């Protein structure tokens, strides 16, 4: 049974394992090996994971005693952005991503009007998942630093 909970400082290594395992699989064939290596170094370092736990909303999905997925959200100006949602490949298709997303939405402050995320335009699998969960495309933007095109998506959280 999958249990989703807030990440604790003791989870840093397991969260990093999720990122270091999923990134090469998720982005193989979509971006260069250099992009993957740079992303792993930039977004999955111990310091970045610790920062997310302390300053944002970081949730983990646990199956037995193994962390099998994670999501990380942060506040940007007046918006909440889901920067990460990753599930170990051998747990895909088992509802872990949906459980993490549902828990992330529940963890947002009351009155949050929408949840934003960005995804590589080439990542059709992720886009399909987000659309199935009610996200809609907001805009597409080139990321010149990364050399990719991003799709921003939003989920209306009007809970009335």
Protein backbone atom coordinates (compact mmCIF):
# COMPACT_ATOMS: atom_id res chain seq x y z
CA UNK A 1 0.00 0.00 0.00
CA UNK A 2 1.28 3.45 -0.92
CA UNK A 3 1.42 6.05 1.84
CA UNK A 4 2.17 9.71 1.05
CA UNK A 5 3.69 11.90 3.74
CA UNK A 6 5.74 15.06 4.20
CA UNK A 7 9.41 14.53 3.58
CA UNK A 8 11.75 14.62 6.56
CA UNK A 9 15.45 15.54 6.64
CA UNK A 10 16.27 11.82 6.90
CA UNK A 11 14.68 11.31 3.45
CA UNK A 12 17.27 13.36 1.53
CA UNK A 13 19.32 10.40 0.28
CA UNK A 14 16.24 8.43 -0.78
CA UNK A 15 14.78 11.46 -2.57
CA UNK A 16 18.08 11.97 -4.37
CA UNK A 17 18.00 8.29 -5.36
CA UNK A 18 14.56 8.82 -6.91
CA UNK A 19 15.83 11.77 -8.93
CA UNK A 20 19.10 10.15 -9.96
CA UNK A 21 17.20 7.02 -11.05
CA UNK A 22 14.23 8.61 -12.81
CA UNK A 23 15.84 11.52 -14.65
CA UNK A 24 17.96 9.49 -17.08
CA UNK A 25 14.96 7.24 -17.86
CA UNK A 26 12.39 10.05 -18.14
CA UNK A 27 14.47 12.25 -20.41
CA UNK A 28 16.39 9.71 -22.52
CA UNK A 29 15.86 10.56 -26.17
CA UNK A 30 14.15 13.86 -25.34
CA UNK A 31 17.23 15.89 -24.40
CA UNK A 32 20.98 15.54 -24.61
CA UNK A 33 23.05 13.52 -22.17
CA UNK A 34 24.65 16.82 -21.17
CA UNK A 35 21.22 18.27 -20.28
CA UNK A 36 20.51 15.23 -18.10
CA UNK A 37 23.89 15.42 -16.36
CA UNK A 38 23.52 19.17 -15.76
CA UNK A 39 19.98 18.72 -14.43
CA UNK A 40 21.03 15.97 -12.05
CA UNK A 41 23.81 18.16 -10.68
CA UNK A 42 21.65 21.29 -10.46
CA UNK A 43 18.29 19.98 -9.22
CA UNK A 44 19.12 16.81 -7.31
CA UNK A 45 22.05 17.87 -5.14
CA UNK A 46 21.85 17.30 -1.40
CA UNK A 47 21.61 21.05 -0.84
CA UNK A 48 18.71 21.53 -3.28
CA UNK A 49 16.75 18.61 -1.84
CA UNK A 50 17.34 19.86 1.73
CA UNK A 51 16.23 23.36 0.70
CA UNK A 52 13.00 21.98 -0.80
CA UNK A 53 12.19 20.06 2.36
CA UNK A 54 12.80 23.11 4.59
CA UNK A 55 11.30 25.85 2.42
CA UNK A 56 8.66 24.29 0.20
CA UNK A 57 6.30 21.36 0.22
CA UNK A 58 8.11 18.09 -0.41
CA UNK A 59 6.09 14.90 -0.22
CA UNK A 60 7.21 11.31 -0.59
CA UNK A 61 5.35 8.15 -1.55
CA UNK A 62 6.33 5.15 0.54
CA UNK A 63 5.70 1.50 -0.35
CA UNK A 64 6.55 -0.58 2.71
CA UNK A 65 9.86 0.90 3.81
CA UNK A 66 10.94 2.13 0.36
CA UNK A 67 10.49 5.66 -0.97
CA UNK A 68 9.16 5.17 -4.50
CA UNK A 69 8.13 8.68 -5.54
CA UNK A 70 8.32 12.32 -4.62
CA UNK A 71 6.92 15.71 -5.47
CA UNK A 72 8.24 19.16 -4.69
CA UNK A 73 6.31 22.41 -4.74
CA UNK A 74 7.40 25.96 -4.12
CA UNK A 75 5.92 29.41 -4.03
CA UNK A 76 6.92 31.74 -6.86
CA UNK A 77 5.60 35.28 -6.44
CA UNK A 78 1.84 34.78 -6.03
CA UNK A 79 1.77 31.25 -7.43
CA UNK A 80 2.44 27.70 -6.28
CA UNK A 81 4.48 25.66 -8.74
CA UNK A 82 5.00 21.91 -8.74
CA UNK A 83 8.65 21.68 -9.76
CA UNK A 84 9.06 17.94 -9.40
CA UNK A 85 6.91 14.84 -9.61
CA UNK A 86 8.89 11.64 -10.10
CA UNK A 87 8.14 7.98 -9.49
CA UNK A 88 10.64 5.13 -9.70
CA UNK A 89 10.19 3.36 -13.06
CA UNK A 90 9.17 0.01 -11.55
CA UNK A 91 6.27 1.75 -9.78
CA UNK A 92 4.83 3.47 -12.87
CA UNK A 93 1.20 2.68 -13.59
CA UNK A 94 0.39 1.87 -9.97
CA UNK A 95 -1.28 5.15 -8.97
CA UNK A 96 1.76 6.60 -7.20
CA UNK A 97 1.88 9.77 -9.31
CA UNK A 98 -1.82 10.43 -8.78
CA UNK A 99 -1.49 9.82 -5.04
CA UNK A 100 1.40 12.30 -4.88
CA UNK A 101 -0.50 14.90 -6.92
CA UNK A 102 -3.64 14.53 -4.79
CA UNK A 103 -1.60 14.90 -1.59
CA UNK A 104 0.23 17.92 -3.01
CA UNK A 105 -3.05 19.66 -3.80
CA UNK A 106 -4.35 18.89 -0.31
CA UNK A 107 -1.14 20.32 1.22
CA UNK A 108 -1.52 23.71 -0.48
CA UNK A 109 -2.78 26.61 1.62
CA UNK A 110 -6.54 27.07 1.65
CA UNK A 111 -7.63 29.47 -1.06
CA UNK A 112 -4.81 28.66 -3.48
CA UNK A 113 -6.51 29.33 -6.84
CA UNK A 114 -4.34 27.20 -9.11
CA UNK A 115 -1.30 24.95 -9.29
CA UNK A 116 1.25 25.52 -12.04
CA UNK A 117 3.94 23.29 -13.51
CA UNK A 118 6.27 23.26 -16.45
CA UNK A 119 7.10 20.25 -18.58
CA UNK A 120 9.22 19.67 -21.65
CA UNK A 121 7.04 19.94 -24.75
CA UNK A 122 8.68 16.73 -25.97
CA UNK A 123 7.64 14.82 -22.83
CA UNK A 124 4.35 13.49 -24.18
CA UNK A 125 4.00 10.86 -21.45
CA UNK A 126 4.10 13.47 -18.67
CA UNK A 127 1.82 15.85 -20.57
CA UNK A 128 -0.70 13.03 -21.03
CA UNK A 129 -0.64 12.28 -17.30
CA UNK A 130 -1.11 15.93 -16.34
CA UNK A 131 -3.96 16.39 -18.83
CA UNK A 132 -5.67 13.29 -17.40
CA UNK A 133 -5.51 14.97 -13.98
CA UNK A 134 -7.19 18.16 -15.22
CA UNK A 135 -4.19 20.35 -16.08
CA UNK A 136 -4.50 22.54 -19.17
CA UNK A 137 -1.83 24.24 -21.24
CA UNK A 138 -1.22 27.87 -20.30
CA UNK A 139 1.66 28.78 -22.59
CA UNK A 140 4.82 27.55 -24.26
CA UNK A 141 8.13 29.23 -23.65
CA UNK A 142 11.60 28.57 -24.99
CA UNK A 143 14.23 28.12 -22.32
CA UNK A 144 17.30 29.49 -24.04
CA UNK A 145 19.59 28.51 -21.17
CA UNK A 146 18.49 24.89 -21.38
CA UNK A 147 17.88 24.81 -25.13
CA UNK A 148 14.40 23.30 -24.79
CA UNK A 149 10.79 24.39 -25.16
CA UNK A 150 8.67 24.25 -22.02
CA UNK A 151 4.92 23.95 -21.70
CA UNK A 152 3.41 25.66 -18.70
CA UNK A 153 0.27 23.94 -17.44
CA UNK A 154 -2.23 24.95 -14.78
CA UNK A 155 -4.82 23.21 -12.65
CA UNK A 156 -7.80 25.22 -11.44
CA UNK A 157 -8.19 24.59 -7.71
CA UNK A 158 -11.50 26.35 -7.23
CA UNK A 159 -12.86 23.95 -4.63
CA UNK A 160 -16.35 25.40 -4.44
